[in-house]
Amino acid sequence: MQLDNFIDFAVSEKANFGMCLKVAMVKHDVSNIDVANYFGVLPQQVIRWKHKPEFNIAQLKEMSEFFRITPSTFVSYGYEKQ
């Protein structure tokens, strides 16, 4: 399945980007500062991303690369029980 199909799936199933990011950060033991440093933003921006509901294909690709996981794995984190 291609990356565009993952976005369609995420949007149609109401996956939440912020939730996916939060779970990925916990699973991979990554801090706001780690993410901020990698992407060249302030930690406050990472906090905003963690509250962002909608997906962006570029961000999905970048986050998947950062965590060294597939886009489908990143999206699946939004469906895991806390």
PDB file of N, CA and C in Angstrom:
ATOM      1  N   MET A   1       0.844  -1.178   0.000  1.00  0.00           N
ATOM      2  CA  MET A   1       0.000   0.000   0.000  1.00  0.00           C
ATOM      3  C   MET A   1       0.889   1.241   0.000  1.00  0.00           C
ATOM      4  N   GLN A   2       0.524   2.243  -0.750  1.00  0.00           N
ATOM      5  CA  GLN A   2       1.348   3.430  -0.866  1.00  0.00           C
ATOM      6  C   GLN A   2       1.036   4.422   0.245  1.00  0.00           C
ATOM      7  N   LEU A   3       1.949   5.385   0.398  1.00  0.00           N
ATOM      8  CA  LEU A   3       1.819   6.373   1.457  1.00  0.00           C
ATOM      9  C   LEU A   3       0.505   7.143   1.365  1.00  0.00           C
ATOM     10  N   ASP A   4       0.071   7.495   0.166  1.00  0.00           N
ATOM     11  CA  ASP A   4      -1.199   8.214   0.009  1.00  0.00           C
ATOM     12  C   ASP A   4      -2.365   7.394   0.553  1.00  0.00           C
ATOM     13  N   ASN A   5      -2.311   6.089   0.369  1.00  0.00           N
ATOM     14  CA  ASN A   5      -3.373   5.233   0.885  1.00  0.00           C
ATOM     15  C   ASN A   5      -3.394   5.215   2.404  1.00  0.00           C
ATOM     16  N   PHE A   6      -2.216   5.326   3.038  1.00  0.00           N
ATOM     17  CA  PHE A   6      -2.162   5.397   4.494  1.00  0.00           C
ATOM     18  C   PHE A   6      -2.823   6.673   4.989  1.00  0.00           C
ATOM     19  N   ILE A   7      -2.587   7.763   4.276  1.00  0.00           N
ATOM     20  CA  ILE A   7      -3.221   9.031   4.661  1.00  0.00           C
ATOM     21  C   ILE A   7      -4.731   8.896   4.535  1.00  0.00           C
ATOM     22  N   ASP A   8      -5.187   8.345   3.417  1.00  0.00           N
ATOM     23  CA  ASP A   8      -6.633   8.149   3.241  1.00  0.00           C
ATOM     24  C   ASP A   8      -7.200   7.302   4.361  1.00  0.00           C
ATOM     25  N   PHE A   9      -6.493   6.234   4.713  1.00  0.00           N
ATOM     26  CA  PHE A   9      -6.925   5.363   5.802  1.00  0.00           C
ATOM     27  C   PHE A   9      -6.983   6.132   7.113  1.00  0.00           C
ATOM     28  N   ALA A  10      -5.926   6.885   7.391  1.00  0.00           N
ATOM     29  CA  ALA A  10      -5.860   7.633   8.644  1.00  0.00           C
ATOM     30  C   ALA A  10      -6.994   8.639   8.743  1.00  0.00           C
ATOM     31  N   VAL A  11      -7.259   9.325   7.655  1.00  0.00           N
ATOM     32  CA  VAL A  11      -8.316  10.333   7.661  1.00  0.00           C
ATOM     33  C   VAL A  11      -9.684   9.664   7.763  1.00  0.00           C
ATOM     34  N   SER A  12      -9.887   8.602   6.998  1.00  0.00           N
ATOM     35  CA  SER A  12     -11.199   7.965   7.000  1.00  0.00           C
ATOM     36  C   SER A  12     -11.508   7.287   8.332  1.00  0.00           C
ATOM     37  N   GLU A  13     -10.492   6.801   9.001  1.00  0.00           N
ATOM     38  CA  GLU A  13     -10.689   6.109  10.267  1.00  0.00           C
ATOM     39  C   GLU A  13     -10.556   7.037  11.478  1.00  0.00           C
ATOM     40  N   LYS A  14     -10.363   8.316  11.215  1.00  0.00           N
ATOM     41  CA  LYS A  14     -10.261   9.328  12.276  1.00  0.00           C
ATOM     42  C   LYS A  14      -9.050   9.123  13.184  1.00  0.00           C
ATOM     43  N   ALA A  15      -7.964   8.641  12.606  1.00  0.00           N
ATOM     44  CA  ALA A  15      -6.726   8.549  13.378  1.00  0.00           C
ATOM     45  C   ALA A  15      -6.292   9.965  13.723  1.00  0.00           C
ATOM     46  N   ASN A  16      -5.696  10.119  14.869  1.00  0.00           N
ATOM     47  CA  ASN A  16      -5.315  11.425  15.373  1.00  0.00           C
ATOM     48  C   ASN A  16      -3.789  11.541  15.336  1.00  0.00           C
ATOM     49  N   PHE A  17      -3.278  12.513  14.575  1.00  0.00           N
ATOM     50  CA  PHE A  17      -1.837  12.684  14.427  1.00  0.00           C
ATOM     51  C   PHE A  17      -1.169  12.886  15.780  1.00  0.00           C
ATOM     52  N   GLY A  18      -1.748  13.730  16.605  1.00  0.00           N
ATOM     53  CA  GLY A  18      -1.166  14.020  17.913  1.00  0.00           C
ATOM     54  C   GLY A  18      -1.059  12.782  18.783  1.00  0.00           C
ATOM     55  N   MET A  19      -2.094  11.953  18.759  1.00  0.00           N
ATOM     56  CA  MET A  19      -2.063  10.712  19.536  1.00  0.00           C
ATOM     57  C   MET A  19      -0.980   9.781  19.003  1.00  0.00           C
ATOM     58  N   CYS A  20      -0.874   9.684  17.689  1.00  0.00           N
ATOM     59  CA  CYS A  20       0.176   8.850  17.089  1.00  0.00           C
ATOM     60  C   CYS A  20       1.554   9.330  17.546  1.00  0.00           C
ATOM     61  N   LEU A  21       1.749  10.631  17.540  1.00  0.00           N
ATOM     62  CA  LEU A  21       3.031  11.195  17.959  1.00  0.00           C
ATOM     63  C   LEU A  21       3.300  10.915  19.435  1.00  0.00           C
ATOM     64  N   LYS A  22       2.298  11.113  20.272  1.00  0.00           N
ATOM     65  CA  LYS A  22       2.472  10.863  21.710  1.00  0.00           C
ATOM     66  C   LYS A  22       2.868   9.414  21.981  1.00  0.00           C
ATOM     67  N   VAL A  23       2.167   8.482  21.352  1.00  0.00           N
ATOM     68  CA  VAL A  23       2.454   7.065  21.574  1.00  0.00           C
ATOM     69  C   VAL A  23       3.839   6.716  21.036  1.00  0.00           C
ATOM     70  N   ALA A  24       4.178   7.228  19.871  1.00  0.00           N
ATOM     71  CA  ALA A  24       5.501   6.959  19.289  1.00  0.00           C
ATOM     72  C   ALA A  24       6.606   7.466  20.207  1.00  0.00           C
ATOM     73  N   MET A  25       6.399   8.636  20.777  1.00  0.00           N
ATOM     74  CA  MET A  25       7.407   9.211  21.666  1.00  0.00           C
ATOM     75  C   MET A  25       7.595   8.358  22.918  1.00  0.00           C
ATOM     76  N   VAL A  26       6.516   7.852  23.470  1.00  0.00           N
ATOM     77  CA  VAL A  26       6.611   7.000  24.653  1.00  0.00           C
ATOM     78  C   VAL A  26       7.283   5.670  24.295  1.00  0.00           C
ATOM     79  N   LYS A  27       6.827   5.045  23.216  1.00  0.00           N
ATOM     80  CA  LYS A  27       7.373   3.742  22.819  1.00  0.00           C
ATOM     81  C   LYS A  27       8.862   3.806  22.505  1.00  0.00           C
ATOM     82  N   HIS A  28       9.297   4.928  21.964  1.00  0.00           N
ATOM     83  CA  HIS A  28      10.692   5.061  21.541  1.00  0.00           C
ATOM     84  C   HIS A  28      11.519   5.883  22.534  1.00  0.00           C
ATOM     85  N   ASP A  29      10.915   6.200  23.672  1.00  0.00           N
ATOM     86  CA  ASP A  29      11.602   6.948  24.735  1.00  0.00           C
ATOM     87  C   ASP A  29      12.264   8.218  24.195  1.00  0.00           C
ATOM     88  N   VAL A  30      11.452   9.043  23.560  1.00  0.00           N
ATOM     89  CA  VAL A  30      11.911  10.276  22.931  1.00  0.00           C
ATOM     90  C   VAL A  30      11.224  11.455  23.618  1.00  0.00           C
ATOM     91  N   SER A  31      11.974  12.503  23.878  1.00  0.00           N
ATOM     92  CA  SER A  31      11.420  13.695  24.536  1.00  0.00           C
ATOM     93  C   SER A  31      11.012  14.755  23.512  1.00  0.00           C
ATOM     94  N   ASN A  32      10.268  15.754  23.994  1.00  0.00           N
ATOM     95  CA  ASN A  32       9.920  16.898  23.151  1.00  0.00           C
ATOM     96  C   ASN A  32      11.181  17.554  22.606  1.00  0.00           C
ATOM     97  N   ILE A  33      12.199  17.639  23.446  1.00  0.00           N
ATOM     98  CA  ILE A  33      13.455  18.282  23.035  1.00  0.00           C
ATOM     99  C   ILE A  33      14.141  17.473  21.937  1.00  0.00           C
ATOM    100  N   ASP A  34      14.114  16.150  22.033  1.00  0.00           N
ATOM    101  CA  ASP A  34      14.703  15.305  20.987  1.00  0.00           C
ATOM    102  C   ASP A  34      14.036  15.565  19.638  1.00  0.00           C
ATOM    103  N   VAL A  35      12.711  15.582  19.643  1.00  0.00           N
ATOM    104  CA  VAL A  35      11.961  15.816  18.409  1.00  0.00           C
ATOM    105  C   VAL A  35      12.237  17.235  17.901  1.00  0.00           C
ATOM    106  N   ALA A  36      12.203  18.195  18.796  1.00  0.00           N
ATOM    107  CA  ALA A  36      12.439  19.586  18.408  1.00  0.00           C
ATOM    108  C   ALA A  36      13.818  19.769  17.788  1.00  0.00           C
ATOM    109  N   ASN A  37      14.827  19.193  18.401  1.00  0.00           N
ATOM    110  CA  ASN A  37      16.184  19.317  17.866  1.00  0.00           C
ATOM    111  C   ASN A  37      16.300  18.698  16.482  1.00  0.00           C
ATOM    112  N   TYR A  38      15.697  17.549  16.288  1.00  0.00           N
ATOM    113  CA  TYR A  38      15.764  16.859  15.001  1.00  0.00           C
ATOM    114  C   TYR A  38      15.116  17.695  13.900  1.00  0.00           C
ATOM    115  N   PHE A  39      13.957  18.290  14.209  1.00  0.00           N
ATOM    116  CA  PHE A  39      13.219  19.040  13.194  1.00  0.00           C
ATOM    117  C   PHE A  39      13.562  20.530  13.157  1.00  0.00           C
ATOM    118  N   GLY A  40      14.426  20.964  14.058  1.00  0.00           N
ATOM    119  CA  GLY A  40      14.844  22.365  14.054  1.00  0.00           C
ATOM    120  C   GLY A  40      13.759  23.325  14.487  1.00  0.00           C
ATOM    121  N   VAL A  41      12.946  22.891  15.445  1.00  0.00           N
ATOM    122  CA  VAL A  41      11.873  23.740  15.974  1.00  0.00           C
ATOM    123  C   VAL A  41      12.025  23.835  17.489  1.00  0.00           C
ATOM    124  N   LEU A  42      11.243  24.700  18.094  1.00  0.00           N
ATOM    125  CA  LEU A  42      11.231  24.809  19.552  1.00  0.00           C
ATOM    126  C   LEU A  42      10.383  23.677  20.148  1.00  0.00           C
ATOM    127  N   PRO A  43      10.669  23.276  21.386  1.00  0.00           N
ATOM    128  CA  PRO A  43       9.862  22.234  22.032  1.00  0.00           C
ATOM    129  C   PRO A  43       8.364  22.588  22.090  1.00  0.00           C
ATOM    130  N   GLN A  44       8.054  23.871  22.139  1.00  0.00           N
ATOM    131  CA  GLN A  44       6.644  24.285  22.163  1.00  0.00           C
ATOM    132  C   GLN A  44       5.920  23.850  20.891  1.00  0.00           C
ATOM    133  N   GLN A  45       6.639  23.819  19.767  1.00  0.00           N
ATOM    134  CA  GLN A  45       6.022  23.376  18.516  1.00  0.00           C
ATOM    135  C   GLN A  45       5.680  21.889  18.590  1.00  0.00           C
ATOM    136  N   VAL A  46       6.532  21.116  19.215  1.00  0.00           N
ATOM    137  CA  VAL A  46       6.261  19.688  19.378  1.00  0.00           C
ATOM    138  C   VAL A  46       5.002  19.498  20.228  1.00  0.00           C
ATOM    139  N   ILE A  47       4.866  20.301  21.259  1.00  0.00           N
ATOM    140  CA  ILE A  47       3.665  20.235  22.102  1.00  0.00           C
ATOM    141  C   ILE A  47       2.428  20.541  21.263  1.00  0.00           C
ATOM    142  N   ARG A  48       2.514  21.525  20.386  1.00  0.00           N
ATOM    143  CA  ARG A  48       1.385  21.843  19.506  1.00  0.00           C
ATOM    144  C   ARG A  48       1.073  20.657  18.582  1.00  0.00           C
ATOM    145  N   TRP A  49       2.117  20.033  18.047  1.00  0.00           N
ATOM    146  CA  TRP A  49       1.902  18.863  17.179  1.00  0.00           C
ATOM    147  C   TRP A  49       1.185  17.756  17.935  1.00  0.00           C
ATOM    148  N   LYS A  50       1.484  17.608  19.215  1.00  0.00           N
ATOM    149  CA  LYS A  50       0.866  16.548  20.009  1.00  0.00           C
ATOM    150  C   LYS A  50      -0.629  16.786  20.236  1.00  0.00           C
ATOM    151  N   HIS A  51      -1.089  17.970  19.930  1.00  0.00           N
ATOM    152  CA  HIS A  51      -2.515  18.296  20.055  1.00  0.00           C
ATOM    153  C   HIS A  51      -3.179  18.456  18.696  1.00  0.00           C
ATOM    154  N   LYS A  52      -2.431  18.170  17.643  1.00  0.00           N
ATOM    155  CA  LYS A  52      -2.919  18.339  16.272  1.00  0.00           C
ATOM    156  C   LYS A  52      -3.682  17.090  15.844  1.00  0.00           C
ATOM    157  N   PRO A  53      -4.953  17.235  15.482  1.00  0.00           N
ATOM    158  CA  PRO A  53      -5.726  16.048  15.116  1.00  0.00           C
ATOM    159  C   PRO A  53      -5.476  15.546  13.686  1.00  0.00           C
ATOM    160  N   GLU A  54      -5.272  16.458  12.745  1.00  0.00           N
ATOM    161  CA  GLU A  54      -5.228  16.053  11.342  1.00  0.00           C
ATOM    162  C   GLU A  54      -3.826  15.641  10.877  1.00  0.00           C
ATOM    163  N   PHE A  55      -3.833  14.771   9.875  1.00  0.00           N
ATOM    164  CA  PHE A  55      -2.592  14.283   9.290  1.00  0.00           C
ATOM    165  C   PHE A  55      -2.164  15.156   8.130  1.00  0.00           C
ATOM    166  N   ASN A  56      -0.863  15.224   7.936  1.00  0.00           N
ATOM    167  CA  ASN A  56      -0.238  15.892   6.806  1.00  0.00           C
ATOM    168  C   ASN A  56       0.730  14.866   6.230  1.00  0.00           C
ATOM    169  N   ILE A  57       0.658  14.604   4.944  1.00  0.00           N
ATOM    170  CA  ILE A  57       1.461  13.538   4.350  1.00  0.00           C
ATOM    171  C   ILE A  57       2.962  13.766   4.553  1.00  0.00           C
ATOM    172  N   ALA A  58       3.393  15.006   4.473  1.00  0.00           N
ATOM    173  CA  ALA A  58       4.819  15.299   4.667  1.00  0.00           C
ATOM    174  C   ALA A  58       5.235  14.997   6.107  1.00  0.00           C
ATOM    175  N   GLN A  59       4.413  15.400   7.061  1.00  0.00           N
ATOM    176  CA  GLN A  59       4.735  15.133   8.464  1.00  0.00           C
ATOM    177  C   GLN A  59       4.706  13.646   8.777  1.00  0.00           C
ATOM    178  N   LEU A  60       3.774  12.919   8.193  1.00  0.00           N
ATOM    179  CA  LEU A  60       3.716  11.482   8.414  1.00  0.00           C
ATOM    180  C   LEU A  60       5.015  10.834   7.929  1.00  0.00           C
ATOM    181  N   LYS A  61       5.466  11.237   6.769  1.00  0.00           N
ATOM    182  CA  LYS A  61       6.705  10.685   6.218  1.00  0.00           C
ATOM    183  C   LYS A  61       7.898  11.055   7.103  1.00  0.00           C
ATOM    184  N   GLU A  62       7.968  12.316   7.510  1.00  0.00           N
ATOM    185  CA  GLU A  62       9.091  12.772   8.335  1.00  0.00           C
ATOM    186  C   GLU A  62       9.106  12.090   9.699  1.00  0.00           C
ATOM    187  N   MET A  63       7.953  11.973  10.320  1.00  0.00           N
ATOM    188  CA  MET A  63       7.891  11.325  11.634  1.00  0.00           C
ATOM    189  C   MET A  63       8.248   9.846  11.532  1.00  0.00           C
ATOM    190  N   SER A  64       7.778   9.202  10.480  1.00  0.00           N
ATOM    191  CA  SER A  64       8.106   7.791  10.276  1.00  0.00           C
ATOM    192  C   SER A  64       9.608   7.606  10.126  1.00  0.00           C
ATOM    193  N   GLU A  65      10.242   8.505   9.386  1.00  0.00           N
ATOM    194  CA  GLU A  65      11.693   8.439   9.219  1.00  0.00           C
ATOM    195  C   GLU A  65      12.408   8.710  10.542  1.00  0.00           C
ATOM    196  N   PHE A  66      11.935   9.686  11.295  1.00  0.00           N
ATOM    197  CA  PHE A  66      12.555  10.019  12.575  1.00  0.00           C
ATOM    198  C   PHE A  66      12.517   8.830  13.532  1.00  0.00           C
ATOM    199  N   PHE A  67      11.364   8.187  13.634  1.00  0.00           N
ATOM    200  CA  PHE A  67      11.221   7.057  14.555  1.00  0.00           C
ATOM    201  C   PHE A  67      11.716   5.740  13.953  1.00  0.00           C
ATOM    202  N   ARG A  68      12.092   5.773  12.681  1.00  0.00           N
ATOM    203  CA  ARG A  68      12.563   4.581  11.956  1.00  0.00           C
ATOM    204  C   ARG A  68      11.521   3.466  11.972  1.00  0.00           C
ATOM    205  N   ILE A  69      10.302   3.882  11.616  1.00  0.00           N
ATOM    206  CA  ILE A  69       9.179   2.952  11.518  1.00  0.00           C
ATOM    207  C   ILE A  69       8.453   3.228  10.209  1.00  0.00           C
ATOM    208  N   THR A  70       7.566   2.321   9.831  1.00  0.00           N
ATOM    209  CA  THR A  70       6.790   2.540   8.612  1.00  0.00           C
ATOM    210  C   THR A  70       5.660   3.536   8.898  1.00  0.00           C
ATOM    211  N   PRO A  71       5.174   4.192   7.854  1.00  0.00           N
ATOM    212  CA  PRO A  71       4.026   5.084   8.061  1.00  0.00           C
ATOM    213  C   PRO A  71       2.822   4.346   8.655  1.00  0.00           C
ATOM    214  N   SER A  72       2.608   3.107   8.241  1.00  0.00           N
ATOM    215  CA  SER A  72       1.461   2.365   8.785  1.00  0.00           C
ATOM    216  C   SER A  72       1.622   2.092  10.272  1.00  0.00           C
ATOM    217  N   THR A  73       2.851   1.851  10.709  1.00  0.00           N
ATOM    218  CA  THR A  73       3.093   1.644  12.141  1.00  0.00           C
ATOM    219  C   THR A  73       2.814   2.929  12.903  1.00  0.00           C
ATOM    220  N   PHE A  74       3.274   4.065  12.368  1.00  0.00           N
ATOM    221  CA  PHE A  74       3.021   5.349  13.026  1.00  0.00           C
ATOM    222  C   PHE A  74       1.522   5.586  13.159  1.00  0.00           C
ATOM    223  N   VAL A  75       0.780   5.350  12.085  1.00  0.00           N
ATOM    224  CA  VAL A  75      -0.676   5.547  12.117  1.00  0.00           C
ATOM    225  C   VAL A  75      -1.315   4.590  13.118  1.00  0.00           C
ATOM    226  N   SER A  76      -0.818   3.355  13.169  1.00  0.00           N
ATOM    227  CA  SER A  76      -1.416   2.366  14.075  1.00  0.00           C
ATOM    228  C   SER A  76      -1.282   2.781  15.536  1.00  0.00           C
ATOM    229  N   TYR A  77      -0.281   3.578  15.868  1.00  0.00           N
ATOM    230  CA  TYR A  77      -0.116   4.038  17.241  1.00  0.00           C
ATOM    231  C   TYR A  77      -1.317   4.860  17.713  1.00  0.00           C
ATOM    232  N   GLY A  78      -2.013   5.481  16.787  1.00  0.00           N
ATOM    233  CA  GLY A  78      -3.185   6.271  17.138  1.00  0.00           C
ATOM    234  C   GLY A  78      -4.376   5.437  17.551  1.00  0.00           C
ATOM    235  N   TYR A  79      -4.293   4.123  17.338  1.00  0.00           N
ATOM    236  CA  TYR A  79      -5.394   3.229  17.666  1.00  0.00           C
ATOM    237  C   TYR A  79      -5.128   2.376  18.886  1.00  0.00           C
ATOM    238  N   GLU A  80      -3.928   2.472  19.462  1.00  0.00           N
ATOM    239  CA  GLU A  80      -3.584   1.659  20.627  1.00  0.00           C
ATOM    240  C   GLU A  80      -4.234   2.223  21.876  1.00  0.00           C
ATOM    241  N   LYS A  81      -4.626   1.338  22.752  1.00  0.00           N
ATOM    242  CA  LYS A  81      -5.230   1.768  24.012  1.00  0.00           C
ATOM    243  C   LYS A  81      -4.149   2.287  24.928  1.00  0.00           C
ATOM    244  N   GLN A  82      -4.462   3.326  25.627  1.00  0.00           N
ATOM    245  CA  GLN A  82      -3.507   3.943  26.553  1.00  0.00           C
ATOM    246  C   GLN A  82      -3.551   3.254  27.878  1.00  0.00           C
TER     247      GLN A  82
END
